[in-house]
Amino acid sequence: MTDWLGPAEWQAVALSLQVSFWATLASLPLGIFVAYALARWSFPGKQILNGIVHLPLILPPVVTGYVLLLTLGTRGPVGSVLADWGVVLAFRWTGAAVAAAVMAFPLMVRAIRLSIEAVDPKLEQASATLGASPIWVFLTVTLPMALPGIVAGTILAFAKAMGEFGATITFVSNIPGQTRTIPSAIYAFLQVPGGEDAAVRLVIVSVVVAMGALLLSEMIGRRVAARVGGA
């Protein structure tokens, strides 16, 4: 395997794994919170929040990346403040993680939301009548029973982050060793003569990772659901 991929290809694979891992890990707490709010709470602007969450699925990825650049770039309203604190996201791998997290967030939230909505509210109410606080009810009743959806959403978000291209290349460009993930590397290899073979190898890696993530999501989700049901 080490001989099958060249150094530049391995670099792209390693960076993609790094970006996807941190994008998924950083967005998971917020994803659970937003999914729970959409599934259980009624508040003004709920449909607007739902629309904003799913907007990256509808907008062209380049538009999302450009919005991130305008907002989080060094001249943007948020990016300029972060830059004063020494935090620069544009044209950095951390920015690629942010772009990947934004694009994968809708898939994560949707899977977790559906799982939370499947939890019987009567079980939560029964726990509350026994004196449990709302947080304790969430931690001991809702969260364990929604775990299959959380696992599935996390894995799907990771796979989506691995394949993110449009928003990433717009926000952080295509810098070798810094922001060149697998999709960006495929694009770069296709622009030079003789790069087709390297592009094909990375395409195969992408397909294997995507299919592996889907199968793993199904397998883990079923196992966790069986354990929760058996408990």
Protein backbone atom coordinates (compact mmCIF):
# COMPACT_ATOMS: atom_id res chain seq x y z
CA MET A 1 0.00 0.00 0.00
CA THR A 2 2.87 2.36 0.84
CA ASP A 3 4.36 1.80 -2.63
CA TRP A 4 1.00 2.09 -4.35
CA LEU A 5 0.55 5.73 -3.30
CA GLY A 6 3.21 8.35 -3.86
CA PRO A 7 4.39 10.85 -1.22
CA ALA A 8 2.09 13.62 -2.48
CA GLU A 9 -0.86 11.24 -2.46
CA TRP A 10 -0.11 10.02 1.05
CA GLN A 11 0.17 13.62 2.16
CA ALA A 12 -3.31 14.34 0.78
CA VAL A 13 -4.77 11.24 2.45
CA ALA A 14 -3.17 12.06 5.81
CA LEU A 15 -4.35 15.67 5.66
CA SER A 16 -7.88 14.57 4.72
CA LEU A 17 -8.00 12.25 7.73
CA GLN A 18 -6.74 15.00 10.00
CA VAL A 19 -9.20 17.57 8.67
CA SER A 20 -12.15 15.18 8.79
CA PHE A 21 -11.36 13.98 12.31
CA TRP A 22 -11.21 17.46 13.81
CA ALA A 23 -14.15 18.71 11.76
CA THR A 24 -16.32 15.87 13.06
CA LEU A 25 -15.09 16.00 16.64
CA ALA A 26 -15.48 19.78 16.95
CA SER A 27 -18.97 19.87 15.47
CA LEU A 28 -20.41 16.87 17.36
CA PRO A 29 -21.39 18.67 20.62
CA LEU A 30 -23.06 21.49 18.70
CA GLY A 31 -24.69 18.96 16.39
CA ILE A 32 -26.26 17.10 19.32
CA PHE A 33 -27.47 20.36 20.87
CA VAL A 34 -29.02 21.67 17.65
CA ALA A 35 -30.59 18.30 16.86
CA TYR A 36 -32.14 18.14 20.33
CA ALA A 37 -33.43 21.71 20.05
CA LEU A 38 -35.06 20.99 16.69
CA ALA A 39 -36.51 17.69 17.90
CA ARG A 40 -37.82 18.68 21.32
CA TRP A 41 -38.14 22.44 21.69
CA SER A 42 -40.66 24.92 20.35
CA PHE A 43 -39.34 28.45 19.97
CA PRO A 44 -39.66 31.44 17.63
CA GLY A 45 -37.44 31.06 14.59
CA LYS A 46 -37.27 27.27 14.80
CA GLN A 47 -37.92 26.87 11.07
CA ILE A 48 -35.36 29.54 10.31
CA LEU A 49 -32.76 27.66 12.35
CA ASN A 50 -33.71 24.45 10.56
CA GLY A 51 -33.27 26.21 7.23
CA ILE A 52 -29.87 27.63 8.18
CA VAL A 53 -28.67 24.22 9.33
CA HIS A 54 -29.63 22.59 6.04
CA LEU A 55 -28.58 25.51 3.83
CA PRO A 56 -25.14 24.04 2.99
CA LEU A 57 -26.91 21.06 1.42
CA ILE A 58 -28.79 23.34 -0.97
CA LEU A 59 -26.32 26.11 -1.73
CA PRO A 60 -23.47 25.52 -4.17
CA PRO A 61 -20.41 24.58 -2.06
CA VAL A 62 -18.46 27.46 -3.64
CA VAL A 63 -21.03 29.90 -2.24
CA THR A 64 -20.62 28.43 1.23
CA GLY A 65 -16.86 28.68 0.94
CA TYR A 66 -17.06 32.28 -0.20
CA VAL A 67 -19.33 33.17 2.73
CA LEU A 68 -16.78 31.56 5.06
CA LEU A 69 -14.01 33.58 3.41
CA LEU A 70 -15.95 36.83 3.82
CA THR A 71 -16.77 36.03 7.43
CA LEU A 72 -13.70 34.21 8.71
CA GLY A 73 -11.03 35.68 6.43
CA THR A 74 -8.48 38.01 7.97
CA ARG A 75 -10.52 40.99 6.76
CA GLY A 76 -13.87 39.52 7.75
CA PRO A 77 -15.85 40.63 10.82
CA VAL A 78 -15.06 37.44 12.72
CA GLY A 79 -11.76 36.53 11.11
CA SER A 80 -10.22 39.94 11.85
CA VAL A 81 -10.99 39.51 15.55
CA LEU A 82 -9.56 36.01 15.54
CA ALA A 83 -6.47 37.28 13.71
CA ASP A 84 -5.86 39.79 16.50
CA TRP A 85 -5.68 36.80 18.84
CA GLY A 86 -3.30 35.00 16.53
CA VAL A 87 -5.90 32.62 15.07
CA VAL A 88 -5.97 32.52 11.27
CA LEU A 89 -8.30 30.09 9.51
CA ALA A 90 -8.16 31.17 5.86
CA PHE A 91 -5.60 29.23 3.80
CA ARG A 92 -4.82 26.94 6.77
CA TRP A 93 -5.71 23.32 7.43
CA THR A 94 -7.81 24.51 10.35
CA GLY A 95 -9.88 26.50 7.87
CA ALA A 96 -10.31 23.34 5.80
CA ALA A 97 -11.64 21.65 8.93
CA VAL A 98 -14.11 24.50 9.45
CA ALA A 99 -15.32 24.27 5.85
CA ALA A 100 -15.66 20.49 6.09
CA ALA A 101 -17.54 20.80 9.38
CA VAL A 102 -20.00 23.31 7.92
CA MET A 103 -20.70 21.12 4.88
CA ALA A 104 -21.07 17.93 6.93
CA PHE A 105 -23.12 19.51 9.72
CA PRO A 106 -26.55 19.06 8.07
CA LEU A 107 -26.04 15.30 7.65
CA MET A 108 -24.96 14.95 11.26
CA VAL A 109 -27.85 17.00 12.64
CA ARG A 110 -30.46 15.25 10.53
CA ALA A 111 -29.41 11.75 11.60
CA ILE A 112 -29.25 12.72 15.27
CA ARG A 113 -32.54 14.62 15.13
CA LEU A 114 -34.41 11.66 13.64
CA SER A 115 -32.95 9.41 16.32
CA ILE A 116 -34.01 11.77 19.12
CA GLU A 117 -37.51 12.11 17.65
CA ALA A 118 -37.79 8.30 17.74
CA VAL A 119 -37.28 8.30 21.53
CA ASP A 120 -40.64 7.98 23.30
CA PRO A 121 -41.29 11.27 25.15
CA LYS A 122 -43.21 9.31 27.80
CA LEU A 123 -39.95 7.73 28.93
CA GLU A 124 -38.44 11.18 29.40
CA GLN A 125 -41.55 12.37 31.23
CA ALA A 126 -41.47 9.34 33.53
CA SER A 127 -37.88 10.08 34.46
CA ALA A 128 -38.75 13.73 35.09
CA THR A 129 -41.63 12.80 37.40
CA LEU A 130 -39.16 10.82 39.51
CA GLY A 131 -37.29 14.04 40.19
CA ALA A 132 -34.61 13.94 37.50
CA SER A 133 -33.46 17.29 36.15
CA PRO A 134 -33.80 18.00 32.41
CA ILE A 135 -30.06 17.55 31.92
CA TRP A 136 -30.10 14.24 33.81
CA VAL A 137 -33.08 13.06 31.76
CA PHE A 138 -31.16 13.88 28.59
CA LEU A 139 -27.99 12.13 29.77
CA THR A 140 -29.63 8.99 31.14
CA VAL A 141 -32.65 8.51 28.87
CA THR A 142 -32.55 10.51 25.64
CA LEU A 143 -28.83 10.29 24.84
CA PRO A 144 -28.42 6.52 25.31
CA MET A 145 -31.55 5.74 23.28
CA ALA A 146 -30.51 8.14 20.51
CA LEU A 147 -26.99 6.72 20.39
CA PRO A 148 -27.47 4.75 17.14
CA GLY A 149 -28.38 7.95 15.32
CA ILE A 150 -25.50 9.83 16.92
CA VAL A 151 -23.03 7.16 15.81
CA ALA A 152 -24.48 7.04 12.31
CA GLY A 153 -24.51 10.84 12.00
CA THR A 154 -20.93 11.08 13.20
CA ILE A 155 -19.63 8.55 10.71
CA LEU A 156 -21.60 10.05 7.83
CA ALA A 157 -20.30 13.51 8.73
CA PHE A 158 -16.74 12.16 8.74
CA ALA A 159 -17.23 10.63 5.29
CA LYS A 160 -18.76 13.85 3.97
CA ALA A 161 -15.85 15.86 5.38
CA MET A 162 -13.41 13.52 3.61
CA GLY A 163 -15.04 14.31 0.28
CA GLU A 164 -15.55 18.06 0.69
CA PHE A 165 -14.11 20.11 -2.16
CA GLY A 166 -15.97 23.24 -3.27
CA ALA A 167 -16.19 25.12 0.01
CA THR A 168 -12.70 24.02 1.02
CA ILE A 169 -10.88 25.15 -2.12
CA THR A 170 -12.73 28.48 -2.06
CA PHE A 171 -11.97 29.20 1.58
CA VAL A 172 -8.46 27.80 1.98
CA SER A 173 -7.26 27.32 -1.62
CA ASN A 174 -5.27 24.25 -2.74
CA ILE A 175 -1.89 24.46 -1.02
CA PRO A 176 0.21 21.25 -1.00
CA GLY A 177 0.84 20.03 2.53
CA GLN A 178 -1.43 22.69 4.00
CA THR A 179 -4.92 22.51 2.49
CA ARG A 180 -4.63 19.95 -0.34
CA THR A 181 -7.03 17.21 0.74
CA ILE A 182 -7.96 14.20 -1.40
CA PRO A 183 -10.55 16.01 -3.59
CA SER A 184 -8.21 18.98 -4.09
CA ALA A 185 -5.34 16.65 -4.93
CA ILE A 186 -7.47 14.82 -7.51
CA TYR A 187 -8.34 18.15 -9.11
CA ALA A 188 -4.67 19.20 -9.10
CA PHE A 189 -3.45 15.91 -10.61
CA LEU A 190 -6.00 16.17 -13.41
CA GLN A 191 -4.59 19.58 -14.38
CA VAL A 192 -1.10 18.27 -15.19
CA PRO A 193 -0.02 15.81 -17.90
CA GLY A 194 0.56 12.33 -16.56
CA GLY A 195 -1.35 12.96 -13.35
CA GLU A 196 -4.30 10.75 -14.28
CA ASP A 197 -2.87 7.65 -12.60
CA ALA A 198 -2.42 9.43 -9.28
CA ALA A 199 -5.93 10.86 -9.56
CA VAL A 200 -7.38 7.40 -10.18
CA ARG A 201 -5.60 6.01 -7.13
CA LEU A 202 -7.03 8.77 -4.95
CA VAL A 203 -10.48 8.19 -6.44
CA ILE A 204 -10.22 4.54 -5.39
CA VAL A 205 -9.20 5.60 -1.88
CA SER A 206 -12.18 7.97 -1.73
CA VAL A 207 -14.63 5.27 -2.83
CA VAL A 208 -13.22 2.78 -0.32
CA VAL A 209 -13.42 5.30 2.52
CA ALA A 210 -16.97 6.35 1.60
CA MET A 211 -18.27 2.79 1.29
CA GLY A 212 -16.44 1.76 4.44
CA ALA A 213 -18.01 4.65 6.34
CA LEU A 214 -21.51 3.75 5.15
CA LEU A 215 -21.10 0.07 6.03
CA LEU A 216 -19.53 0.91 9.39
CA SER A 217 -22.35 3.33 10.13
CA GLU A 218 -24.96 0.66 9.46
CA MET A 219 -23.12 -2.01 11.42
CA ILE A 220 -22.38 0.08 14.49
CA GLY A 221 -25.84 1.64 14.43
CA ARG A 222 -27.48 -1.79 14.47
CA ARG A 223 -25.25 -3.09 17.24
CA VAL A 224 -25.82 -0.06 19.41
CA ALA A 225 -29.56 -0.20 18.75
CA ALA A 226 -29.60 -3.87 19.74
CA ARG A 227 -27.75 -3.14 22.97
CA VAL A 228 -30.00 -0.21 23.82
CA GLY A 229 -33.09 -2.28 23.04
CA GLY A 230 -31.76 -5.19 25.09
CA ALA A 231 -31.07 -2.91 28.04
